[in-house]
Amino acid sequence: DVFIKKEADTFWIGYTVSPSFKRQGYAYEITQAMIQWIQQQGDFKIMAGAAPENMASVQLLEKLGFAQVDEENGESIFLLHQRS
């Protein structure tokens, strides 16, 4: 399951993976593909949220270049740092 939502100059992304298929690289592949697609659309911020206790998701976002920038309603908010 993937989620993409455009708000002004920001795209919010998200994903869920069935427990039967987690830890197999699917979330990494789809999130990387979403990032590439968004970057082809123009110069947008890319953000994602993750439950702080969901370490697999937090680690995935960090691996992809996201950094936590806020916390809202018990959810960690991440921003992709654009590479020059």
PDB file of N, CA and C in Angstrom:
ATOM      1  N   ASP A   1       0.847  -1.161   0.000  1.00  0.00           N
ATOM      2  CA  ASP A   1       0.000   0.000   0.000  1.00  0.00           C
ATOM      3  C   ASP A   1       0.900   1.234   0.000  1.00  0.00           C
ATOM      4  N   VAL A   2       0.672   2.163  -0.934  1.00  0.00           N
ATOM      5  CA  VAL A   2       1.465   3.398  -0.977  1.00  0.00           C
ATOM      6  C   VAL A   2       0.540   4.603  -0.906  1.00  0.00           C
ATOM      7  N   PHE A   3       1.109   5.714  -0.480  1.00  0.00           N
ATOM      8  CA  PHE A   3       0.358   6.944  -0.283  1.00  0.00           C
ATOM      9  C   PHE A   3       1.195   8.095  -0.817  1.00  0.00           C
ATOM     10  N   ILE A   4       0.589   8.909  -1.668  1.00  0.00           N
ATOM     11  CA  ILE A   4       1.220  10.148  -2.141  1.00  0.00           C
ATOM     12  C   ILE A   4       0.154  11.237  -2.089  1.00  0.00           C
ATOM     13  N   LYS A   5       0.499  12.351  -1.444  1.00  0.00           N
ATOM     14  CA  LYS A   5      -0.433  13.472  -1.363  1.00  0.00           C
ATOM     15  C   LYS A   5       0.343  14.768  -1.594  1.00  0.00           C
ATOM     16  N   LYS A   6      -0.126  15.570  -2.537  1.00  0.00           N
ATOM     17  CA  LYS A   6       0.519  16.846  -2.837  1.00  0.00           C
ATOM     18  C   LYS A   6      -0.201  17.960  -2.083  1.00  0.00           C
ATOM     19  N   GLU A   7       0.580  18.765  -1.358  1.00  0.00           N
ATOM     20  CA  GLU A   7       0.070  19.949  -0.669  1.00  0.00           C
ATOM     21  C   GLU A   7       0.996  21.110  -1.009  1.00  0.00           C
ATOM     22  N   ALA A   8       0.537  22.019  -1.846  1.00  0.00           N
ATOM     23  CA  ALA A   8       1.326  23.193  -2.268  1.00  0.00           C
ATOM     24  C   ALA A   8       2.680  22.748  -2.806  1.00  0.00           C
ATOM     25  N   ASP A   9       3.784  23.060  -2.096  1.00  0.00           N
ATOM     26  CA  ASP A   9       5.126  22.728  -2.604  1.00  0.00           C
ATOM     27  C   ASP A   9       5.690  21.462  -1.952  1.00  0.00           C
ATOM     28  N   THR A  10       4.807  20.637  -1.376  1.00  0.00           N
ATOM     29  CA  THR A  10       5.243  19.448  -0.647  1.00  0.00           C
ATOM     30  C   THR A  10       4.475  18.213  -1.093  1.00  0.00           C
ATOM     31  N   PHE A  11       5.188  17.123  -1.248  1.00  0.00           N
ATOM     32  CA  PHE A  11       4.564  15.820  -1.433  1.00  0.00           C
ATOM     33  C   PHE A  11       4.758  15.028  -0.146  1.00  0.00           C
ATOM     34  N   TRP A  12       3.676  14.472   0.380  1.00  0.00           N
ATOM     35  CA  TRP A  12       3.733  13.560   1.521  1.00  0.00           C
ATOM     36  C   TRP A  12       3.671  12.147   0.979  1.00  0.00           C
ATOM     37  N   ILE A  13       4.550  11.288   1.476  1.00  0.00           N
ATOM     38  CA  ILE A  13       4.540   9.903   1.029  1.00  0.00           C
ATOM     39  C   ILE A  13       4.408   8.971   2.224  1.00  0.00           C
ATOM     40  N   GLY A  14       3.919   7.780   1.954  1.00  0.00           N
ATOM     41  CA  GLY A  14       3.804   6.767   2.987  1.00  0.00           C
ATOM     42  C   GLY A  14       3.680   5.402   2.350  1.00  0.00           C
ATOM     43  N   TYR A  15       3.770   4.380   3.174  1.00  0.00           N
ATOM     44  CA  TYR A  15       3.720   3.008   2.683  1.00  0.00           C
ATOM     45  C   TYR A  15       3.381   2.085   3.838  1.00  0.00           C
ATOM     46  N   THR A  16       2.782   0.980   3.522  1.00  0.00           N
ATOM     47  CA  THR A  16       2.623  -0.113   4.470  1.00  0.00           C
ATOM     48  C   THR A  16       2.939  -1.393   3.711  1.00  0.00           C
ATOM     49  N   VAL A  17       3.474  -2.346   4.437  1.00  0.00           N
ATOM     50  CA  VAL A  17       3.835  -3.628   3.835  1.00  0.00           C
ATOM     51  C   VAL A  17       3.174  -4.729   4.646  1.00  0.00           C
ATOM     52  N   SER A  18       2.554  -5.666   3.966  1.00  0.00           N
ATOM     53  CA  SER A  18       1.948  -6.808   4.634  1.00  0.00           C
ATOM     54  C   SER A  18       3.005  -7.530   5.469  1.00  0.00           C
ATOM     55  N   PRO A  19       2.663  -7.937   6.678  1.00  0.00           N
ATOM     56  CA  PRO A  19       3.643  -8.650   7.512  1.00  0.00           C
ATOM     57  C   PRO A  19       4.278  -9.855   6.809  1.00  0.00           C
ATOM     58  N   SER A  20       3.550 -10.469   5.892  1.00  0.00           N
ATOM     59  CA  SER A  20       4.104 -11.626   5.164  1.00  0.00           C
ATOM     60  C   SER A  20       5.274 -11.254   4.264  1.00  0.00           C
ATOM     61  N   PHE A  21       5.381  -9.956   3.919  1.00  0.00           N
ATOM     62  CA  PHE A  21       6.391  -9.526   2.960  1.00  0.00           C
ATOM     63  C   PHE A  21       7.368  -8.498   3.508  1.00  0.00           C
ATOM     64  N   LYS A  22       7.303  -8.211   4.813  1.00  0.00           N
ATOM     65  CA  LYS A  22       8.211  -7.195   5.357  1.00  0.00           C
ATOM     66  C   LYS A  22       9.638  -7.734   5.431  1.00  0.00           C
ATOM     67  N   ARG A  23      10.591  -6.777   5.514  1.00  0.00           N
ATOM     68  CA  ARG A  23      12.033  -7.060   5.610  1.00  0.00           C
ATOM     69  C   ARG A  23      12.567  -7.756   4.351  1.00  0.00           C
ATOM     70  N   GLN A  24      11.932  -7.458   3.186  1.00  0.00           N
ATOM     71  CA  GLN A  24      12.395  -8.030   1.926  1.00  0.00           C
ATOM     72  C   GLN A  24      12.789  -6.951   0.914  1.00  0.00           C
ATOM     73  N   GLY A  25      12.798  -5.689   1.336  1.00  0.00           N
ATOM     74  CA  GLY A  25      13.226  -4.611   0.465  1.00  0.00           C
ATOM     75  C   GLY A  25      12.129  -3.946  -0.344  1.00  0.00           C
ATOM     76  N   TYR A  26      10.892  -4.396  -0.190  1.00  0.00           N
ATOM     77  CA  TYR A  26       9.809  -3.814  -0.984  1.00  0.00           C
ATOM     78  C   TYR A  26       9.561  -2.352  -0.632  1.00  0.00           C
ATOM     79  N   ALA A  27       9.548  -2.031   0.644  1.00  0.00           N
ATOM     80  CA  ALA A  27       9.308  -0.640   1.055  1.00  0.00           C
ATOM     81  C   ALA A  27      10.416   0.267   0.527  1.00  0.00           C
ATOM     82  N   TYR A  28      11.661  -0.188   0.573  1.00  0.00           N
ATOM     83  CA  TYR A  28      12.776   0.602   0.053  1.00  0.00           C
ATOM     84  C   TYR A  28      12.586   0.865  -1.437  1.00  0.00           C
ATOM     85  N   GLU A  29      12.284  -0.190  -2.182  1.00  0.00           N
ATOM     86  CA  GLU A  29      12.139  -0.049  -3.643  1.00  0.00           C
ATOM     87  C   GLU A  29      11.002   0.902  -4.007  1.00  0.00           C
ATOM     88  N   ILE A  30       9.845   0.743  -3.384  1.00  0.00           N
ATOM     89  CA  ILE A  30       8.706   1.584  -3.754  1.00  0.00           C
ATOM     90  C   ILE A  30       8.908   3.016  -3.298  1.00  0.00           C
ATOM     91  N   THR A  31       9.515   3.214  -2.130  1.00  0.00           N
ATOM     92  CA  THR A  31       9.744   4.576  -1.641  1.00  0.00           C
ATOM     93  C   THR A  31      10.771   5.278  -2.515  1.00  0.00           C
ATOM     94  N   GLN A  32      11.806   4.574  -2.908  1.00  0.00           N
ATOM     95  CA  GLN A  32      12.807   5.139  -3.808  1.00  0.00           C
ATOM     96  C   GLN A  32      12.165   5.514  -5.153  1.00  0.00           C
ATOM     97  N   ALA A  33      11.278   4.671  -5.656  1.00  0.00           N
ATOM     98  CA  ALA A  33      10.587   4.965  -6.924  1.00  0.00           C
ATOM     99  C   ALA A  33       9.668   6.185  -6.771  1.00  0.00           C
ATOM    100  N   MET A  34       8.966   6.301  -5.627  1.00  0.00           N
ATOM    101  CA  MET A  34       8.108   7.478  -5.400  1.00  0.00           C
ATOM    102  C   MET A  34       8.947   8.751  -5.368  1.00  0.00           C
ATOM    103  N   ILE A  35      10.098   8.696  -4.694  1.00  0.00           N
ATOM    104  CA  ILE A  35      10.986   9.859  -4.611  1.00  0.00           C
ATOM    105  C   ILE A  35      11.444  10.270  -6.003  1.00  0.00           C
ATOM    106  N   GLN A  36      11.870   9.306  -6.814  1.00  0.00           N
ATOM    107  CA  GLN A  36      12.333   9.618  -8.173  1.00  0.00           C
ATOM    108  C   GLN A  36      11.215  10.233  -8.997  1.00  0.00           C
ATOM    109  N   TRP A  37       9.999   9.692  -8.888  1.00  0.00           N
ATOM    110  CA  TRP A  37       8.871  10.227  -9.640  1.00  0.00           C
ATOM    111  C   TRP A  37       8.579  11.659  -9.209  1.00  0.00           C
ATOM    112  N   ILE A  38       8.548  11.911  -7.905  1.00  0.00           N
ATOM    113  CA  ILE A  38       8.276  13.263  -7.404  1.00  0.00           C
ATOM    114  C   ILE A  38       9.340  14.235  -7.889  1.00  0.00           C
ATOM    115  N   GLN A  39      10.601  13.840  -7.861  1.00  0.00           N
ATOM    116  CA  GLN A  39      11.683  14.717  -8.309  1.00  0.00           C
ATOM    117  C   GLN A  39      11.558  15.043  -9.791  1.00  0.00           C
ATOM    118  N   GLN A  40      10.977  14.149 -10.567  1.00  0.00           N
ATOM    119  CA  GLN A  40      10.748  14.420 -11.992  1.00  0.00           C
ATOM    120  C   GLN A  40       9.634  15.450 -12.197  1.00  0.00           C
ATOM    121  N   GLN A  41       8.789  15.641 -11.183  1.00  0.00           N
ATOM    122  CA  GLN A  41       7.677  16.582 -11.288  1.00  0.00           C
ATOM    123  C   GLN A  41       8.101  18.026 -11.053  1.00  0.00           C
ATOM    124  N   GLY A  42       9.276  18.214 -10.477  1.00  0.00           N
ATOM    125  CA  GLY A  42       9.746  19.570 -10.190  1.00  0.00           C
ATOM    126  C   GLY A  42      10.424  19.629  -8.843  1.00  0.00           C
ATOM    127  N   ASP A  43      10.590  20.847  -8.346  1.00  0.00           N
ATOM    128  CA  ASP A  43      11.304  21.082  -7.089  1.00  0.00           C
ATOM    129  C   ASP A  43      10.313  21.108  -5.928  1.00  0.00           C
ATOM    130  N   PHE A  44      10.065  19.961  -5.348  1.00  0.00           N
ATOM    131  CA  PHE A  44       9.120  19.831  -4.246  1.00  0.00           C
ATOM    132  C   PHE A  44       9.824  19.288  -3.009  1.00  0.00           C
ATOM    133  N   LYS A  45       9.326  19.690  -1.834  1.00  0.00           N
ATOM    134  CA  LYS A  45       9.762  19.049  -0.597  1.00  0.00           C
ATOM    135  C   LYS A  45       9.099  17.682  -0.555  1.00  0.00           C
ATOM    136  N   ILE A  46       9.792  16.712   0.024  1.00  0.00           N
ATOM    137  CA  ILE A  46       9.226  15.377   0.179  1.00  0.00           C
ATOM    138  C   ILE A  46       9.262  15.050   1.667  1.00  0.00           C
ATOM    139  N   MET A  47       8.071  14.741   2.220  1.00  0.00           N
ATOM    140  CA  MET A  47       7.957  14.493   3.648  1.00  0.00           C
ATOM    141  C   MET A  47       7.256  13.169   3.888  1.00  0.00           C
ATOM    142  N   ALA A  48       7.512  12.609   5.069  1.00  0.00           N
ATOM    143  CA  ALA A  48       6.882  11.348   5.465  1.00  0.00           C
ATOM    144  C   ALA A  48       6.722  11.339   6.974  1.00  0.00           C
ATOM    145  N   GLY A  49       5.793  10.550   7.436  1.00  0.00           N
ATOM    146  CA  GLY A  49       5.596  10.381   8.867  1.00  0.00           C
ATOM    147  C   GLY A  49       5.783   8.923   9.245  1.00  0.00           C
ATOM    148  N   ALA A  50       6.226   8.688  10.469  1.00  0.00           N
ATOM    149  CA  ALA A  50       6.385   7.327  10.965  1.00  0.00           C
ATOM    150  C   ALA A  50       6.198   7.321  12.469  1.00  0.00           C
ATOM    151  N   ALA A  51       5.609   6.259  12.964  1.00  0.00           N
ATOM    152  CA  ALA A  51       5.498   6.101  14.409  1.00  0.00           C
ATOM    153  C   ALA A  51       6.905   5.928  14.970  1.00  0.00           C
ATOM    154  N   PRO A  52       7.256   6.651  16.027  1.00  0.00           N
ATOM    155  CA  PRO A  52       8.620   6.566  16.575  1.00  0.00           C
ATOM    156  C   PRO A  52       9.031   5.150  16.958  1.00  0.00           C
ATOM    157  N   GLU A  53       8.071   4.325  17.371  1.00  0.00           N
ATOM    158  CA  GLU A  53       8.412   2.958  17.757  1.00  0.00           C
ATOM    159  C   GLU A  53       8.591   2.016  16.556  1.00  0.00           C
ATOM    160  N   ASN A  54       8.237   2.497  15.351  1.00  0.00           N
ATOM    161  CA  ASN A  54       8.405   1.683  14.142  1.00  0.00           C
ATOM    162  C   ASN A  54       9.833   1.887  13.616  1.00  0.00           C
ATOM    163  N   MET A  55      10.775   1.255  14.287  1.00  0.00           N
ATOM    164  CA  MET A  55      12.187   1.463  13.962  1.00  0.00           C
ATOM    165  C   MET A  55      12.535   1.057  12.536  1.00  0.00           C
ATOM    166  N   ALA A  56      11.888   0.047  11.989  1.00  0.00           N
ATOM    167  CA  ALA A  56      12.172  -0.367  10.614  1.00  0.00           C
ATOM    168  C   ALA A  56      11.847   0.771   9.650  1.00  0.00           C
ATOM    169  N   SER A  57      10.723   1.434   9.861  1.00  0.00           N
ATOM    170  CA  SER A  57      10.327   2.543   8.998  1.00  0.00           C
ATOM    171  C   SER A  57      11.241   3.746   9.198  1.00  0.00           C
ATOM    172  N   VAL A  58      11.554   4.064  10.450  1.00  0.00           N
ATOM    173  CA  VAL A  58      12.458   5.179  10.739  1.00  0.00           C
ATOM    174  C   VAL A  58      13.817   4.933  10.078  1.00  0.00           C
ATOM    175  N   GLN A  59      14.347   3.734  10.218  1.00  0.00           N
ATOM    176  CA  GLN A  59      15.646   3.404   9.623  1.00  0.00           C
ATOM    177  C   GLN A  59      15.594   3.454   8.101  1.00  0.00           C
ATOM    178  N   LEU A  60      14.480   3.019   7.524  1.00  0.00           N
ATOM    179  CA  LEU A  60      14.329   3.079   6.069  1.00  0.00           C
ATOM    180  C   LEU A  60      14.363   4.524   5.596  1.00  0.00           C
ATOM    181  N   LEU A  61      13.602   5.393   6.252  1.00  0.00           N
ATOM    182  CA  LEU A  61      13.577   6.796   5.850  1.00  0.00           C
ATOM    183  C   LEU A  61      14.968   7.420   5.978  1.00  0.00           C
ATOM    184  N   GLU A  62      15.668   7.120   7.055  1.00  0.00           N
ATOM    185  CA  GLU A  62      17.031   7.654   7.232  1.00  0.00           C
ATOM    186  C   GLU A  62      17.959   7.130   6.151  1.00  0.00           C
ATOM    187  N   LYS A  63      17.836   5.857   5.797  1.00  0.00           N
ATOM    188  CA  LYS A  63      18.661   5.256   4.738  1.00  0.00           C
ATOM    189  C   LYS A  63      18.436   5.960   3.401  1.00  0.00           C
ATOM    190  N   LEU A  64      17.211   6.425   3.179  1.00  0.00           N
ATOM    191  CA  LEU A  64      16.865   7.100   1.926  1.00  0.00           C
ATOM    192  C   LEU A  64      17.236   8.587   1.932  1.00  0.00           C
ATOM    193  N   GLY A  65      17.727   9.095   3.070  1.00  0.00           N
ATOM    194  CA  GLY A  65      18.163  10.486   3.124  1.00  0.00           C
ATOM    195  C   GLY A  65      17.218  11.425   3.851  1.00  0.00           C
ATOM    196  N   PHE A  66      16.227  10.879   4.538  1.00  0.00           N
ATOM    197  CA  PHE A  66      15.302  11.700   5.323  1.00  0.00           C
ATOM    198  C   PHE A  66      15.908  11.964   6.700  1.00  0.00           C
ATOM    199  N   ALA A  67      15.504  13.076   7.287  1.00  0.00           N
ATOM    200  CA  ALA A  67      15.885  13.402   8.659  1.00  0.00           C
ATOM    201  C   ALA A  67      14.633  13.872   9.385  1.00  0.00           C
ATOM    202  N   GLN A  68      14.536  13.528  10.661  1.00  0.00           N
ATOM    203  CA  GLN A  68      13.378  13.959  11.442  1.00  0.00           C
ATOM    204  C   GLN A  68      13.457  15.458  11.667  1.00  0.00           C
ATOM    205  N   VAL A  69      12.337  16.135  11.397  1.00  0.00           N
ATOM    206  CA  VAL A  69      12.290  17.583  11.545  1.00  0.00           C
ATOM    207  C   VAL A  69      11.232  18.049  12.535  1.00  0.00           C
ATOM    208  N   ASP A  70      10.336  17.142  12.937  1.00  0.00           N
ATOM    209  CA  ASP A  70       9.249  17.547  13.822  1.00  0.00           C
ATOM    210  C   ASP A  70       8.595  16.300  14.407  1.00  0.00           C
ATOM    211  N   GLU A  71       7.675  16.546  15.323  1.00  0.00           N
ATOM    212  CA  GLU A  71       6.824  15.486  15.852  1.00  0.00           C
ATOM    213  C   GLU A  71       5.426  16.070  15.963  1.00  0.00           C
ATOM    214  N   GLU A  72       4.444  15.327  15.497  1.00  0.00           N
ATOM    215  CA  GLU A  72       3.072  15.823  15.469  1.00  0.00           C
ATOM    216  C   GLU A  72       2.112  14.689  15.802  1.00  0.00           C
ATOM    217  N   ASN A  73       1.277  14.893  16.801  1.00  0.00           N
ATOM    218  CA  ASN A  73       0.291  13.891  17.208  1.00  0.00           C
ATOM    219  C   ASN A  73       0.918  12.519  17.445  1.00  0.00           C
ATOM    220  N   GLY A  74       2.094  12.497  18.066  1.00  0.00           N
ATOM    221  CA  GLY A  74       2.772  11.249  18.376  1.00  0.00           C
ATOM    222  C   GLY A  74       3.478  10.601  17.206  1.00  0.00           C
ATOM    223  N   GLU A  75       3.539  11.294  16.066  1.00  0.00           N
ATOM    224  CA  GLU A  75       4.197  10.761  14.876  1.00  0.00           C
ATOM    225  C   GLU A  75       5.444  11.591  14.569  1.00  0.00           C
ATOM    226  N   SER A  76       6.526  10.906  14.240  1.00  0.00           N
ATOM    227  CA  SER A  76       7.744  11.597  13.821  1.00  0.00           C
ATOM    228  C   SER A  76       7.581  12.045  12.379  1.00  0.00           C
ATOM    229  N   ILE A  77       7.942  13.295  12.094  1.00  0.00           N
ATOM    230  CA  ILE A  77       7.826  13.867  10.752  1.00  0.00           C
ATOM    231  C   ILE A  77       9.226  13.989  10.162  1.00  0.00           C
ATOM    232  N   PHE A  78       9.379  13.469   8.948  1.00  0.00           N
ATOM    233  CA  PHE A  78      10.677  13.442   8.271  1.00  0.00           C
ATOM    234  C   PHE A  78      10.639  14.251   6.983  1.00  0.00           C
ATOM    235  N   LEU A  79      11.776  14.866   6.653  1.00  0.00           N
ATOM    236  CA  LEU A  79      11.956  15.636   5.427  1.00  0.00           C
ATOM    237  C   LEU A  79      13.129  15.048   4.675  1.00  0.00           C
ATOM    238  N   LEU A  80      12.958  14.853   3.368  1.00  0.00           N
ATOM    239  CA  LEU A  80      14.054  14.372   2.541  1.00  0.00           C
ATOM    240  C   LEU A  80      15.018  15.519   2.287  1.00  0.00           C
ATOM    241  N   HIS A  81      16.265  15.319   2.617  1.00  0.00           N
ATOM    242  CA  HIS A  81      17.299  16.319   2.326  1.00  0.00           C
ATOM    243  C   HIS A  81      17.718  16.127   0.884  1.00  0.00           C
ATOM    244  N   GLN A  82      17.441  17.152   0.088  1.00  0.00           N
ATOM    245  CA  GLN A  82      17.763  17.082  -1.333  1.00  0.00           C
ATOM    246  C   GLN A  82      19.266  17.101  -1.523  1.00  0.00           C
ATOM    247  N   ARG A  83      19.722  16.206  -2.359  1.00  0.00           N
ATOM    248  CA  ARG A  83      21.158  16.163  -2.674  1.00  0.00           C
ATOM    249  C   ARG A  83      21.426  17.080  -3.854  1.00  0.00           C
ATOM    250  N   SER A  84      22.517  17.827  -3.767  1.00  0.00           N
ATOM    251  CA  SER A  84      22.846  18.773  -4.843  1.00  0.00           C
ATOM    252  C   SER A  84      23.514  18.068  -5.994  1.00  0.00           C
TER     253      SER A  84
END
